Amino acid sequence: MKVIEKKYLNSKKNLIYQLRREVEIQARLRHPNILRLYGYFHDSSRVYLVLEFAPQGGLYQLLRTNGTFPAAVAATYVRDVAKALVYLHANEVIHRDIKPENLLLDAKGVVKLADFGWSVKMDPEVRRQTFCGTLDYLPPEIVEDKPHDKAVDIWSMGILIYEFLVGSPPFQSDEMDETYQKISECKITFPENMDPLAKDLIQKLLQTEPGKRPTLQTLLQHPWILQNASKQTPTIPTQIERK
């Protein structure tokens, strides 16, 4: 259950519209790696979203607990999120806020893409220009206030892989302006011990020009995914055991 205070919705411009759009989009989605929205109701002070139960919580906390994810765990999560995005994009939806906080685990450890507050329906004739998402995951086109399309989700997958394997996003800085600059220039520092295949995939995804980013199908067929992702979704304990 997600509970939203009506006074919060009324406190900022466009929040009511954003919530309505979130409900309209998520309620129609049916995919094993997307959190179901079963319905909603409201009373005098709150709006309640009835969501699929994800008792194991979010990947953000799991990542903070463990520091990083082993390649097999990271690749499995990335593969399953990519499958969810293939479904979204096929249904003309851009998520626009891929990050560990918006990835939840159900009782079996299956990853579920959640929080469609920034999602939007695609128009093939129109590129979006809304400044949205989470700073560390923003692509250059949004930072530079340029029109954007579904390629923003591809960029976010590159950031996600890096954070899973390193423990922090690649462009994270203390100063916001410095983060903006790093994103625009795509300045990435890789650990010396990073798997060359993982590095190759991240570099392919984090292209400053949206048209040069690979498709999700290409991501799913990348050697790093094929060699590391589990054929069955593993049950991930709170504390990941490392061999």
Foldseek 3Di string as FASTA:
>chain_A
DDKDWVVVCVPDPCSVVLVVQLCVVQQPDDDPQAKHFVDWDDDPTIIDTDIDDQPQAWQLLLCVVALAAPLLQLLQLLLSVLVVLVVQVVQQKAQQADDRNQWGHHPQGRTHGHDSSVMDGHDPVFFAQDQDYDLLLAALCSLVRHGHGNLSVLSSSLQSSCCNHRVHGQLDDPDSVSSNVCRQVVDGDDPPPDDPQNVVLSVLSSDNDSVSRDRSVVVCPRPSSVVRYDPDNHRADSHHDDD
